[in-house]
Amino acid sequence: MTTAAPGRSHDLRSRQRRYLWMMGIRVACLPLAVLTTGWVRWIFIIGAVVLPYIAVVIVNAASRPTHGTIETFPPVQRPELPPATRDDDPNDQKHRSEAFRSAP
């Protein structure tokens, strides 16, 4: 388990979504600038002209990578086998030869 930052593809996908939202607002400003009058028209015109610049600046400001930390866990204590006795020693040649002779 780690607290590493999300991958590059996640960052790219979120930047694309932000840009598309801003361009959607800009596209909505264009017909609204034609259909309205007075000071509201000027707000929509300014929005249609300024939003592309703002969108590019915001989207190109890549998110800063966060330095993650790795959580460490103490090793699990596992039960150990008891020490071998003289009769259980597999390297004892005398014991091996006796077992071999008694085999059918």
C-alpha atoms as a PDB file:
ATOM      1  CA  MET A   1       0.000   0.000   0.000  1.00  0.00           C
ATOM      2  CA  THR A   2       1.352   3.420  -0.884  1.00  0.00           C
ATOM      3  CA  THR A   3       0.366   7.051  -0.786  1.00  0.00           C
ATOM      4  CA  ALA A   4       1.965   7.821  -4.139  1.00  0.00           C
ATOM      5  CA  ALA A   5       0.509  10.535  -6.341  1.00  0.00           C
ATOM      6  CA  PRO A   6      -2.016   9.585  -9.042  1.00  0.00           C
ATOM      7  CA  GLY A   7      -0.628   8.671 -12.454  1.00  0.00           C
ATOM      8  CA  ARG A   8       0.005  10.951 -15.404  1.00  0.00           C
ATOM      9  CA  SER A   9      -3.063   9.677 -17.275  1.00  0.00           C
ATOM     10  CA  HIS A  10      -5.289  10.739 -14.353  1.00  0.00           C
ATOM     11  CA  ASP A  11      -3.765  14.238 -14.429  1.00  0.00           C
ATOM     12  CA  LEU A  12      -4.229  14.505 -18.194  1.00  0.00           C
ATOM     13  CA  ARG A  13      -7.862  13.368 -18.002  1.00  0.00           C
ATOM     14  CA  SER A  14      -8.712  15.951 -15.313  1.00  0.00           C
ATOM     15  CA  ARG A  15      -7.018  18.726 -17.314  1.00  0.00           C
ATOM     16  CA  GLN A  16      -8.987  17.779 -20.428  1.00  0.00           C
ATOM     17  CA  ARG A  17     -12.246  17.882 -18.459  1.00  0.00           C
ATOM     18  CA  ARG A  18     -11.474  21.373 -17.102  1.00  0.00           C
ATOM     19  CA  TYR A  19     -10.645  22.653 -20.570  1.00  0.00           C
ATOM     20  CA  LEU A  20     -13.820  21.195 -22.079  1.00  0.00           C
ATOM     21  CA  TRP A  21     -15.958  22.775 -19.364  1.00  0.00           C
ATOM     22  CA  MET A  22     -14.407  26.192 -19.995  1.00  0.00           C
ATOM     23  CA  MET A  23     -14.796  25.899 -23.752  1.00  0.00           C
ATOM     24  CA  GLY A  24     -18.420  24.846 -23.233  1.00  0.00           C
ATOM     25  CA  ILE A  25     -19.015  28.027 -21.269  1.00  0.00           C
ATOM     26  CA  ARG A  26     -17.335  30.008 -24.050  1.00  0.00           C
ATOM     27  CA  VAL A  27     -19.537  28.409 -26.715  1.00  0.00           C
ATOM     28  CA  ALA A  28     -22.582  29.343 -24.622  1.00  0.00           C
ATOM     29  CA  CYS A  29     -21.326  32.944 -24.356  1.00  0.00           C
ATOM     30  CA  LEU A  30     -21.224  33.418 -28.151  1.00  0.00           C
ATOM     31  CA  PRO A  31     -24.960  33.035 -28.938  1.00  0.00           C
ATOM     32  CA  LEU A  32     -25.900  34.755 -25.679  1.00  0.00           C
ATOM     33  CA  ALA A  33     -23.812  37.773 -26.746  1.00  0.00           C
ATOM     34  CA  VAL A  34     -25.881  37.952 -29.947  1.00  0.00           C
ATOM     35  CA  LEU A  35     -29.263  37.443 -28.260  1.00  0.00           C
ATOM     36  CA  THR A  36     -28.857  39.880 -25.349  1.00  0.00           C
ATOM     37  CA  THR A  37     -28.488  43.652 -25.210  1.00  0.00           C
ATOM     38  CA  GLY A  38     -26.909  46.220 -22.917  1.00  0.00           C
ATOM     39  CA  TRP A  39     -24.275  45.484 -20.334  1.00  0.00           C
ATOM     40  CA  VAL A  40     -25.144  41.755 -20.273  1.00  0.00           C
ATOM     41  CA  ARG A  41     -24.047  41.499 -23.922  1.00  0.00           C
ATOM     42  CA  TRP A  42     -20.646  42.952 -22.993  1.00  0.00           C
ATOM     43  CA  ILE A  43     -20.216  40.416 -20.200  1.00  0.00           C
ATOM     44  CA  PHE A  44     -20.825  37.572 -22.671  1.00  0.00           C
ATOM     45  CA  ILE A  45     -18.479  39.122 -25.261  1.00  0.00           C
ATOM     46  CA  ILE A  46     -15.721  39.515 -22.677  1.00  0.00           C
ATOM     47  CA  GLY A  47     -16.340  35.939 -21.536  1.00  0.00           C
ATOM     48  CA  ALA A  48     -16.107  34.645 -25.119  1.00  0.00           C
ATOM     49  CA  VAL A  49     -12.859  36.554 -25.751  1.00  0.00           C
ATOM     50  CA  VAL A  50     -11.071  36.050 -22.422  1.00  0.00           C
ATOM     51  CA  LEU A  51     -12.087  32.467 -21.565  1.00  0.00           C
ATOM     52  CA  PRO A  52      -9.774  30.767 -24.120  1.00  0.00           C
ATOM     53  CA  TYR A  53      -6.737  32.485 -22.614  1.00  0.00           C
ATOM     54  CA  ILE A  54      -7.789  31.705 -19.062  1.00  0.00           C
ATOM     55  CA  ALA A  55      -8.572  28.087 -19.993  1.00  0.00           C
ATOM     56  CA  VAL A  56      -5.138  27.523 -21.542  1.00  0.00           C
ATOM     57  CA  VAL A  57      -3.324  29.073 -18.577  1.00  0.00           C
ATOM     58  CA  ILE A  58      -5.316  27.052 -16.027  1.00  0.00           C
ATOM     59  CA  VAL A  59      -5.044  23.759 -17.925  1.00  0.00           C
ATOM     60  CA  ASN A  60      -1.322  24.114 -18.642  1.00  0.00           C
ATOM     61  CA  ALA A  61      -0.623  24.769 -14.975  1.00  0.00           C
ATOM     62  CA  ALA A  62       0.067  21.099 -14.322  1.00  0.00           C
ATOM     63  CA  SER A  63      -0.685  19.913 -10.848  1.00  0.00           C
ATOM     64  CA  ARG A  64       2.378  19.725  -8.658  1.00  0.00           C
ATOM     65  CA  PRO A  65       3.370  16.184  -7.751  1.00  0.00           C
ATOM     66  CA  THR A  66       2.892  15.402  -4.115  1.00  0.00           C
ATOM     67  CA  HIS A  67       5.659  13.520  -2.444  1.00  0.00           C
ATOM     68  CA  GLY A  68       4.140  10.319  -1.164  1.00  0.00           C
ATOM     69  CA  THR A  69       5.393   8.224   1.653  1.00  0.00           C
ATOM     70  CA  ILE A  70       5.526   4.496   1.877  1.00  0.00           C
ATOM     71  CA  GLU A  71       3.981   3.041   4.971  1.00  0.00           C
ATOM     72  CA  THR A  72       6.041   0.293   6.497  1.00  0.00           C
ATOM     73  CA  PHE A  73       4.684  -2.556   8.536  1.00  0.00           C
ATOM     74  CA  PRO A  74       6.631  -4.612  11.069  1.00  0.00           C
ATOM     75  CA  PRO A  75       7.376  -8.160   9.942  1.00  0.00           C
ATOM     76  CA  VAL A  76       5.027 -10.823  11.180  1.00  0.00           C
ATOM     77  CA  GLN A  77       6.584 -13.206  13.674  1.00  0.00           C
ATOM     78  CA  ARG A  78       6.311 -16.703  12.275  1.00  0.00           C
ATOM     79  CA  PRO A  79       6.552 -19.792  14.461  1.00  0.00           C
ATOM     80  CA  GLU A  80       9.842 -21.625  14.188  1.00  0.00           C
ATOM     81  CA  LEU A  81      10.517 -25.343  14.175  1.00  0.00           C
ATOM     82  CA  PRO A  82      12.129 -26.755  17.312  1.00  0.00           C
ATOM     83  CA  PRO A  83      15.831 -27.540  17.064  1.00  0.00           C
ATOM     84  CA  ALA A  84      16.644 -30.963  15.613  1.00  0.00           C
ATOM     85  CA  THR A  85      17.589 -33.737  17.979  1.00  0.00           C
ATOM     86  CA  ARG A  86      20.281 -36.280  17.245  1.00  0.00           C
ATOM     87  CA  ASP A  87      17.711 -38.815  15.968  1.00  0.00           C
ATOM     88  CA  ASP A  88      16.001 -36.242  13.712  1.00  0.00           C
ATOM     89  CA  ASP A  89      19.204 -34.954  12.080  1.00  0.00           C
ATOM     90  CA  PRO A  90      18.852 -35.635   8.315  1.00  0.00           C
ATOM     91  CA  ASN A  91      22.595 -35.224   7.811  1.00  0.00           C
ATOM     92  CA  ASP A  92      23.439 -38.062  10.199  1.00  0.00           C
ATOM     93  CA  GLN A  93      24.864 -40.754   7.891  1.00  0.00           C
ATOM     94  CA  LYS A  94      24.393 -43.576  10.382  1.00  0.00           C
ATOM     95  CA  HIS A  95      20.708 -42.760  10.770  1.00  0.00           C
ATOM     96  CA  ARG A  96      20.219 -42.600   6.984  1.00  0.00           C
ATOM     97  CA  SER A  97      21.880 -45.920   6.339  1.00  0.00           C
ATOM     98  CA  GLU A  98      19.734 -47.665   8.968  1.00  0.00           C
ATOM     99  CA  ALA A  99      16.576 -46.252   7.463  1.00  0.00           C
ATOM    100  CA  PHE A 100      17.695 -47.376   4.020  1.00  0.00           C
ATOM    101  CA  ARG A 101      18.346 -50.937   5.175  1.00  0.00           C
ATOM    102  CA  SER A 102      14.964 -51.245   6.834  1.00  0.00           C
ATOM    103  CA  ALA A 103      13.139 -50.189   3.673  1.00  0.00           C
ATOM    104  CA  PRO A 104      11.456 -53.083   1.744  1.00  0.00           C
END
